[in-house]
Amino acid sequence: MTARGVVYLVPNLLGVVPPEDVLPKRTLDVARSLEHWLVETPKPARAFIKSVGSARPIAALSIASMSEVSTSIDALLAPARGGHDVGILSDAGCPGIADPGAQVVAAAHAAGLRVVPLVGPSSLLLALMAAGMNGQRFAFHGYLPVRADARDAALRRLEAESRAAHCTQLFIETPYRNAALLEAIVQTLAPATRVCVAADVTLPTESIETRSARDWRRVDAQRYAKRPAIFLLEA
């Protein structure tokens, strides 16, 4: 009987930075050795594989998109069932954590394949570590509504839930709308509610600041325009 391959969850970089600065040796070694990849988007996947230095020419690798609707999950996992190790890779950060990958991992478990998560950067966890907020109880909500009234209602709801459950609330925004979100935060939340903005995490331009909503009013929200950021609040 042919031995089955391992399904590795490979964390991607959060931006342009030397891989050795944020990825441990084992993660780099595995990534360099893999011939088969299941990825969120092929173009950034190839850039990552090139940056870590694959043991094979990139053109010789099998790189399949997990979002390709014409490809079934069963077909994506065929190399692993045939004895080849497979890497799952999202565009940035950890696959399956606010990024694609969970469905493929669930199918791998159902198929009896070994799933191995590798160590690497998660902007959500790094922001939570650095925020000085409750790390015992927290929730990630993804993107808040775009419409101003719905967004403000969502902020008030998250603040109330944080106050009632002593829970840190995490959320994100499309980078070009960061400034508008921060302006809404300072106008909507109670003055004493603590807010952290973690931008460009792991990059040379990284900034992580926690202030009260009142104190954020004195900060130019435009400094966060077009920068990938995680927002956290604790009431």
C-alpha atoms as a PDB file:
ATOM      1  CA  MET A   1       0.000   0.000   0.000  1.00  0.00           C
ATOM      2  CA  THR A   2       1.381   3.418  -0.995  1.00  0.00           C
ATOM      3  CA  ALA A   3       2.169   5.638   1.986  1.00  0.00           C
ATOM      4  CA  ARG A   4       0.030   8.732   2.107  1.00  0.00           C
ATOM      5  CA  GLY A   5       1.438  12.218   1.962  1.00  0.00           C
ATOM      6  CA  VAL A   6       1.256  14.858   4.668  1.00  0.00           C
ATOM      7  CA  VAL A   7      -0.877  17.978   4.313  1.00  0.00           C
ATOM      8  CA  TYR A   8       1.177  20.921   5.610  1.00  0.00           C
ATOM      9  CA  LEU A   9      -0.382  24.261   6.524  1.00  0.00           C
ATOM     10  CA  VAL A  10       2.275  26.775   5.507  1.00  0.00           C
ATOM     11  CA  PRO A  11       2.062  30.352   6.870  1.00  0.00           C
ATOM     12  CA  ASN A  12       2.761  33.021   4.287  1.00  0.00           C
ATOM     13  CA  LEU A  13       4.555  36.319   4.841  1.00  0.00           C
ATOM     14  CA  LEU A  14       2.471  39.372   5.759  1.00  0.00           C
ATOM     15  CA  GLY A  15       4.364  41.570   3.319  1.00  0.00           C
ATOM     16  CA  VAL A  16       7.719  42.011   1.631  1.00  0.00           C
ATOM     17  CA  VAL A  17      10.222  40.918   4.253  1.00  0.00           C
ATOM     18  CA  PRO A  18      13.075  38.375   4.266  1.00  0.00           C
ATOM     19  CA  PRO A  19      11.459  34.979   5.015  1.00  0.00           C
ATOM     20  CA  GLU A  20      14.166  34.148   7.566  1.00  0.00           C
ATOM     21  CA  ASP A  21      13.052  37.161   9.634  1.00  0.00           C
ATOM     22  CA  VAL A  22       9.631  35.665  10.420  1.00  0.00           C
ATOM     23  CA  LEU A  23       9.663  31.964   9.521  1.00  0.00           C
ATOM     24  CA  PRO A  24      11.516  29.286  11.520  1.00  0.00           C
ATOM     25  CA  LYS A  25      13.897  26.865   9.864  1.00  0.00           C
ATOM     26  CA  ARG A  26      11.494  23.909   9.872  1.00  0.00           C
ATOM     27  CA  THR A  27       8.805  25.921   8.069  1.00  0.00           C
ATOM     28  CA  LEU A  28      11.339  27.069   5.481  1.00  0.00           C
ATOM     29  CA  ASP A  29      12.730  23.554   5.031  1.00  0.00           C
ATOM     30  CA  VAL A  30       9.279  22.063   4.446  1.00  0.00           C
ATOM     31  CA  ALA A  31       8.217  24.864   2.105  1.00  0.00           C
ATOM     32  CA  ARG A  32      11.378  24.450   0.038  1.00  0.00           C
ATOM     33  CA  SER A  33      10.836  20.708  -0.285  1.00  0.00           C
ATOM     34  CA  LEU A  34       7.206  20.688  -1.427  1.00  0.00           C
ATOM     35  CA  GLU A  35       6.292  19.857  -5.010  1.00  0.00           C
ATOM     36  CA  HIS A  36       2.497  20.110  -4.644  1.00  0.00           C
ATOM     37  CA  TRP A  37       0.685  23.243  -3.466  1.00  0.00           C
ATOM     38  CA  LEU A  38      -2.955  24.169  -2.841  1.00  0.00           C
ATOM     39  CA  VAL A  39      -3.138  27.946  -2.727  1.00  0.00           C
ATOM     40  CA  GLU A  40      -5.527  30.855  -2.388  1.00  0.00           C
ATOM     41  CA  THR A  41      -4.153  32.717  -5.424  1.00  0.00           C
ATOM     42  CA  PRO A  42      -1.385  31.354  -7.680  1.00  0.00           C
ATOM     43  CA  LYS A  43       0.479  34.627  -8.354  1.00  0.00           C
ATOM     44  CA  PRO A  44       1.281  35.542  -4.710  1.00  0.00           C
ATOM     45  CA  ALA A  45       1.904  31.855  -4.017  1.00  0.00           C
ATOM     46  CA  ARG A  46       4.612  31.772  -6.659  1.00  0.00           C
ATOM     47  CA  ALA A  47       6.134  34.933  -5.186  1.00  0.00           C
ATOM     48  CA  PHE A  48       6.274  33.288  -1.751  1.00  0.00           C
ATOM     49  CA  ILE A  49       7.746  30.048  -3.078  1.00  0.00           C
ATOM     50  CA  LYS A  50      10.366  32.011  -4.992  1.00  0.00           C
ATOM     51  CA  SER A  51      11.243  34.051  -1.894  1.00  0.00           C
ATOM     52  CA  VAL A  52      11.879  30.977   0.270  1.00  0.00           C
ATOM     53  CA  GLY A  53      13.943  29.272  -2.451  1.00  0.00           C
ATOM     54  CA  SER A  54      12.225  26.119  -3.685  1.00  0.00           C
ATOM     55  CA  ALA A  55      14.348  23.041  -4.256  1.00  0.00           C
ATOM     56  CA  ARG A  56      12.694  22.747  -7.712  1.00  0.00           C
ATOM     57  CA  PRO A  57      12.045  25.269 -10.499  1.00  0.00           C
ATOM     58  CA  ILE A  58       8.708  26.952  -9.890  1.00  0.00           C
ATOM     59  CA  ALA A  59       7.554  25.927 -13.372  1.00  0.00           C
ATOM     60  CA  ALA A  60       8.003  22.294 -12.333  1.00  0.00           C
ATOM     61  CA  LEU A  61       5.731  22.617  -9.293  1.00  0.00           C
ATOM     62  CA  SER A  62       2.063  21.691  -9.113  1.00  0.00           C
ATOM     63  CA  ILE A  63       0.211  24.806  -7.906  1.00  0.00           C
ATOM     64  CA  ALA A  64      -3.591  24.495  -7.766  1.00  0.00           C
ATOM     65  CA  SER A  65      -6.028  27.185  -6.666  1.00  0.00           C
ATOM     66  CA  MET A  66      -8.389  26.198  -3.846  1.00  0.00           C
ATOM     67  CA  SER A  67     -10.933  28.712  -5.202  1.00  0.00           C
ATOM     68  CA  GLU A  68     -11.112  27.157  -8.668  1.00  0.00           C
ATOM     69  CA  VAL A  69     -14.776  26.118  -8.794  1.00  0.00           C
ATOM     70  CA  SER A  70     -14.170  23.519 -11.498  1.00  0.00           C
ATOM     71  CA  THR A  71     -11.787  21.588  -9.240  1.00  0.00           C
ATOM     72  CA  SER A  72     -13.254  19.419  -6.489  1.00  0.00           C
ATOM     73  CA  ILE A  73     -11.643  19.157  -3.069  1.00  0.00           C
ATOM     74  CA  ASP A  74     -11.274  15.445  -3.689  1.00  0.00           C
ATOM     75  CA  ALA A  75      -9.198  16.193  -6.788  1.00  0.00           C
ATOM     76  CA  LEU A  76      -7.095  18.764  -4.916  1.00  0.00           C
ATOM     77  CA  LEU A  77      -6.110  16.139  -2.361  1.00  0.00           C
ATOM     78  CA  ALA A  78      -5.314  13.441  -4.928  1.00  0.00           C
ATOM     79  CA  PRO A  79      -1.517  14.019  -4.695  1.00  0.00           C
ATOM     80  CA  ALA A  80      -1.599  13.482  -0.920  1.00  0.00           C
ATOM     81  CA  ARG A  81      -3.607  10.304  -1.285  1.00  0.00           C
ATOM     82  CA  GLY A  82      -1.012   9.197  -3.829  1.00  0.00           C
ATOM     83  CA  GLY A  83       1.873   9.624  -1.406  1.00  0.00           C
ATOM     84  CA  HIS A  84       3.012  13.195  -2.085  1.00  0.00           C
ATOM     85  CA  ASP A  85       3.273  15.860   0.611  1.00  0.00           C
ATOM     86  CA  VAL A  86       1.066  18.883  -0.083  1.00  0.00           C
ATOM     87  CA  GLY A  87       1.310  22.471   1.164  1.00  0.00           C
ATOM     88  CA  ILE A  88      -1.729  24.681   1.771  1.00  0.00           C
ATOM     89  CA  LEU A  89      -0.962  28.387   1.392  1.00  0.00           C
ATOM     90  CA  SER A  90      -3.086  31.530   1.651  1.00  0.00           C
ATOM     91  CA  ASP A  91      -2.119  34.933   0.267  1.00  0.00           C
ATOM     92  CA  ALA A  92      -0.846  36.142   3.656  1.00  0.00           C
ATOM     93  CA  GLY A  93      -0.655  34.739   7.166  1.00  0.00           C
ATOM     94  CA  CYS A  94      -1.950  31.355   8.264  1.00  0.00           C
ATOM     95  CA  PRO A  95      -4.270  29.298   6.044  1.00  0.00           C
ATOM     96  CA  GLY A  96      -7.613  28.586   7.667  1.00  0.00           C
ATOM     97  CA  ILE A  97      -7.324  31.563  10.042  1.00  0.00           C
ATOM     98  CA  ALA A  98      -9.456  34.312   8.460  1.00  0.00           C
ATOM     99  CA  ASP A  99      -8.245  32.895   5.146  1.00  0.00           C
ATOM    100  CA  PRO A 100      -9.154  29.953   2.876  1.00  0.00           C
ATOM    101  CA  GLY A 101      -8.025  26.452   3.716  1.00  0.00           C
ATOM    102  CA  ALA A 102     -10.418  25.123   6.345  1.00  0.00           C
ATOM    103  CA  GLN A 103     -12.596  23.178   3.893  1.00  0.00           C
ATOM    104  CA  VAL A 104      -9.597  21.437   2.381  1.00  0.00           C
ATOM    105  CA  VAL A 105      -8.230  20.630   5.840  1.00  0.00           C
ATOM    106  CA  ALA A 106     -11.606  19.207   6.875  1.00  0.00           C
ATOM    107  CA  ALA A 107     -11.592  17.021   3.763  1.00  0.00           C
ATOM    108  CA  ALA A 108      -8.038  15.902   4.540  1.00  0.00           C
ATOM    109  CA  HIS A 109      -9.110  14.781   8.006  1.00  0.00           C
ATOM    110  CA  ALA A 110     -12.107  12.970   6.537  1.00  0.00           C
ATOM    111  CA  ALA A 111      -9.763  11.189   4.117  1.00  0.00           C
ATOM    112  CA  GLY A 112      -7.523  10.044   6.953  1.00  0.00           C
ATOM    113  CA  LEU A 113      -4.596  12.225   5.882  1.00  0.00           C
ATOM    114  CA  ARG A 114      -2.126  13.628   8.397  1.00  0.00           C
ATOM    115  CA  VAL A 115      -2.458  17.404   8.799  1.00  0.00           C
ATOM    116  CA  VAL A 116       0.525  19.373  10.149  1.00  0.00           C
ATOM    117  CA  PRO A 117       0.351  23.115  10.968  1.00  0.00           C
ATOM    118  CA  LEU A 118       3.672  24.923  10.613  1.00  0.00           C
ATOM    119  CA  VAL A 119       4.794  27.908  12.662  1.00  0.00           C
ATOM    120  CA  GLY A 120       4.605  31.368  11.110  1.00  0.00           C
ATOM    121  CA  PRO A 121       3.023  34.815  11.353  1.00  0.00           C
ATOM    122  CA  SER A 122      -0.664  35.347  12.089  1.00  0.00           C
ATOM    123  CA  SER A 123      -1.523  39.047  12.127  1.00  0.00           C
ATOM    124  CA  LEU A 124      -4.517  38.368  14.371  1.00  0.00           C
ATOM    125  CA  LEU A 125      -2.546  36.591  17.088  1.00  0.00           C
ATOM    126  CA  LEU A 126       0.429  38.936  16.878  1.00  0.00           C
ATOM    127  CA  ALA A 127      -1.883  41.945  17.235  1.00  0.00           C
ATOM    128  CA  LEU A 128      -3.659  40.332  20.188  1.00  0.00           C
ATOM    129  CA  MET A 129      -0.320  39.574  21.863  1.00  0.00           C
ATOM    130  CA  ALA A 130       0.796  43.185  21.528  1.00  0.00           C
ATOM    131  CA  ALA A 131      -2.484  44.969  22.314  1.00  0.00           C
ATOM    132  CA  GLY A 132      -2.452  44.512  26.081  1.00  0.00           C
ATOM    133  CA  MET A 133      -6.042  43.287  25.988  1.00  0.00           C
ATOM    134  CA  ASN A 134      -7.745  40.119  27.201  1.00  0.00           C
ATOM    135  CA  GLY A 135      -6.042  37.167  25.513  1.00  0.00           C
ATOM    136  CA  GLN A 136      -8.091  34.593  27.443  1.00  0.00           C
ATOM    137  CA  ARG A 137     -11.359  35.491  25.747  1.00  0.00           C
ATOM    138  CA  PHE A 138     -11.516  37.070  22.310  1.00  0.00           C
ATOM    139  CA  ALA A 139     -13.468  36.954  19.059  1.00  0.00           C
ATOM    140  CA  PHE A 140     -12.624  37.788  15.453  1.00  0.00           C
ATOM    141  CA  HIS A 141     -15.403  39.259  13.328  1.00  0.00           C
ATOM    142  CA  GLY A 142     -13.777  39.783   9.943  1.00  0.00           C
ATOM    143  CA  TYR A 143     -14.977  42.823   8.034  1.00  0.00           C
ATOM    144  CA  LEU A 144     -17.580  45.158   9.511  1.00  0.00           C
ATOM    145  CA  PRO A 145     -20.397  46.460   7.275  1.00  0.00           C
ATOM    146  CA  VAL A 146     -19.423  49.124   4.732  1.00  0.00           C
ATOM    147  CA  ARG A 147     -22.522  51.312   5.140  1.00  0.00           C
ATOM    148  CA  ALA A 148     -21.917  53.907   7.846  1.00  0.00           C
ATOM    149  CA  ASP A 149     -25.113  53.247   9.823  1.00  0.00           C
ATOM    150  CA  ALA A 150     -24.630  49.459   9.804  1.00  0.00           C
ATOM    151  CA  ARG A 151     -20.913  49.822  10.632  1.00  0.00           C
ATOM    152  CA  ASP A 152     -21.628  52.115  13.583  1.00  0.00           C
ATOM    153  CA  ALA A 153     -24.309  49.735  14.860  1.00  0.00           C
ATOM    154  CA  ALA A 154     -21.819  46.861  14.612  1.00  0.00           C
ATOM    155  CA  LEU A 155     -19.224  48.846  16.586  1.00  0.00           C
ATOM    156  CA  ARG A 156     -21.733  49.571  19.336  1.00  0.00           C
ATOM    157  CA  ARG A 157     -22.740  45.905  19.454  1.00  0.00           C
ATOM    158  CA  LEU A 158     -19.126  44.713  19.709  1.00  0.00           C
ATOM    159  CA  GLU A 159     -18.444  47.254  22.454  1.00  0.00           C
ATOM    160  CA  ALA A 160     -21.489  46.055  24.423  1.00  0.00           C
ATOM    161  CA  GLU A 161     -20.463  42.414  23.988  1.00  0.00           C
ATOM    162  CA  SER A 162     -16.918  43.201  25.113  1.00  0.00           C
ATOM    163  CA  ARG A 163     -18.198  44.973  28.212  1.00  0.00           C
ATOM    164  CA  ALA A 164     -20.662  42.199  29.098  1.00  0.00           C
ATOM    165  CA  ALA A 165     -18.336  39.228  28.466  1.00  0.00           C
ATOM    166  CA  HIS A 166     -14.908  40.825  29.157  1.00  0.00           C
ATOM    167  CA  CYS A 167     -13.988  39.805  25.608  1.00  0.00           C
ATOM    168  CA  THR A 168     -11.511  41.409  23.225  1.00  0.00           C
ATOM    169  CA  GLN A 169     -13.067  42.088  19.832  1.00  0.00           C
ATOM    170  CA  LEU A 170     -10.942  41.914  16.657  1.00  0.00           C
ATOM    171  CA  PHE A 171     -11.929  43.054  13.184  1.00  0.00           C
ATOM    172  CA  ILE A 172     -10.386  44.249   9.923  1.00  0.00           C
ATOM    173  CA  GLU A 173     -11.079  46.606   7.056  1.00  0.00           C
ATOM    174  CA  THR A 174      -9.974  46.988   3.464  1.00  0.00           C
ATOM    175  CA  PRO A 175      -6.808  49.116   3.810  1.00  0.00           C
ATOM    176  CA  TYR A 176      -8.114  52.049   1.788  1.00  0.00           C
ATOM    177  CA  ARG A 177     -11.062  52.359   4.229  1.00  0.00           C
ATOM    178  CA  ASN A 178      -8.945  52.174   7.418  1.00  0.00           C
ATOM    179  CA  ALA A 179      -9.050  55.918   8.030  1.00  0.00           C
ATOM    180  CA  ALA A 180     -12.846  56.017   7.733  1.00  0.00           C
ATOM    181  CA  LEU A 181     -13.156  53.098  10.150  1.00  0.00           C
ATOM    182  CA  LEU A 182     -10.881  54.709  12.732  1.00  0.00           C
ATOM    183  CA  GLU A 183     -12.830  57.960  12.469  1.00  0.00           C
ATOM    184  CA  ALA A 184     -16.058  56.004  13.034  1.00  0.00           C
ATOM    185  CA  ILE A 185     -14.512  54.246  16.028  1.00  0.00           C
ATOM    186  CA  VAL A 186     -13.644  57.471  17.828  1.00  0.00           C
ATOM    187  CA  GLN A 187     -17.047  58.973  17.072  1.00  0.00           C
ATOM    188  CA  THR A 188     -19.074  55.895  18.046  1.00  0.00           C
ATOM    189  CA  LEU A 189     -17.392  54.185  21.016  1.00  0.00           C
ATOM    190  CA  ALA A 190     -17.420  55.327  24.619  1.00  0.00           C
ATOM    191  CA  PRO A 191     -14.440  57.607  25.378  1.00  0.00           C
ATOM    192  CA  ALA A 192     -12.873  55.107  27.816  1.00  0.00           C
ATOM    193  CA  THR A 193     -13.098  52.076  25.530  1.00  0.00           C
ATOM    194  CA  ARG A 194      -9.596  50.915  24.610  1.00  0.00           C
ATOM    195  CA  VAL A 195      -8.741  50.545  20.945  1.00  0.00           C
ATOM    196  CA  CYS A 196      -5.630  49.038  19.379  1.00  0.00           C
ATOM    197  CA  VAL A 197      -4.578  49.491  15.767  1.00  0.00           C
ATOM    198  CA  ALA A 198      -1.874  47.051  14.627  1.00  0.00           C
ATOM    199  CA  ALA A 199      -0.621  48.017  11.173  1.00  0.00           C
ATOM    200  CA  ASP A 200       1.995  46.441   8.886  1.00  0.00           C
ATOM    201  CA  VAL A 201       2.602  43.660  11.404  1.00  0.00           C
ATOM    202  CA  THR A 202       6.100  42.065  11.030  1.00  0.00           C
ATOM    203  CA  LEU A 203       7.143  44.671   8.434  1.00  0.00           C
ATOM    204  CA  PRO A 204       9.766  47.408   8.917  1.00  0.00           C
ATOM    205  CA  THR A 205       6.912  49.952   9.036  1.00  0.00           C
ATOM    206  CA  GLU A 206       5.058  48.058  11.791  1.00  0.00           C
ATOM    207  CA  SER A 207       3.165  50.157  14.326  1.00  0.00           C
ATOM    208  CA  ILE A 208       1.012  48.822  17.166  1.00  0.00           C
ATOM    209  CA  GLU A 209      -0.677  51.366  19.440  1.00  0.00           C
ATOM    210  CA  THR A 210      -3.341  51.017  22.125  1.00  0.00           C
ATOM    211  CA  ARG A 211      -5.204  54.115  23.314  1.00  0.00           C
ATOM    212  CA  SER A 212      -8.610  55.045  24.639  1.00  0.00           C
ATOM    213  CA  ALA A 213     -11.155  56.051  22.017  1.00  0.00           C
ATOM    214  CA  ARG A 214     -10.881  59.553  23.482  1.00  0.00           C
ATOM    215  CA  ASP A 215      -7.126  59.671  22.888  1.00  0.00           C
ATOM    216  CA  TRP A 216      -7.449  58.322  19.341  1.00  0.00           C
ATOM    217  CA  ARG A 217      -9.310  61.531  18.481  1.00  0.00           C
ATOM    218  CA  ARG A 218      -5.969  63.342  18.557  1.00  0.00           C
ATOM    219  CA  VAL A 219      -4.400  60.962  16.011  1.00  0.00           C
ATOM    220  CA  ASP A 220      -4.527  61.616  12.275  1.00  0.00           C
ATOM    221  CA  ALA A 221      -6.475  58.636  10.948  1.00  0.00           C
ATOM    222  CA  GLN A 222      -4.852  59.063   7.539  1.00  0.00           C
ATOM    223  CA  ARG A 223      -1.633  57.564   8.875  1.00  0.00           C
ATOM    224  CA  TYR A 224      -3.345  54.162   8.509  1.00  0.00           C
ATOM    225  CA  ALA A 225      -4.620  54.704   4.975  1.00  0.00           C
ATOM    226  CA  LYS A 226      -3.732  51.828   2.628  1.00  0.00           C
ATOM    227  CA  ARG A 227      -1.864  49.885   5.342  1.00  0.00           C
ATOM    228  CA  PRO A 228      -2.971  46.343   6.288  1.00  0.00           C
ATOM    229  CA  ALA A 229      -4.240  46.636   9.852  1.00  0.00           C
ATOM    230  CA  ILE A 230      -5.982  44.747  12.628  1.00  0.00           C
ATOM    231  CA  PHE A 231      -8.386  46.651  14.896  1.00  0.00           C
ATOM    232  CA  LEU A 232      -9.068  45.522  18.471  1.00  0.00           C
ATOM    233  CA  LEU A 233     -11.339  46.948  21.138  1.00  0.00           C
ATOM    234  CA  GLU A 234     -11.927  46.202  24.810  1.00  0.00           C
ATOM    235  CA  ALA A 235     -14.612  47.971  26.825  1.00  0.00           C
END
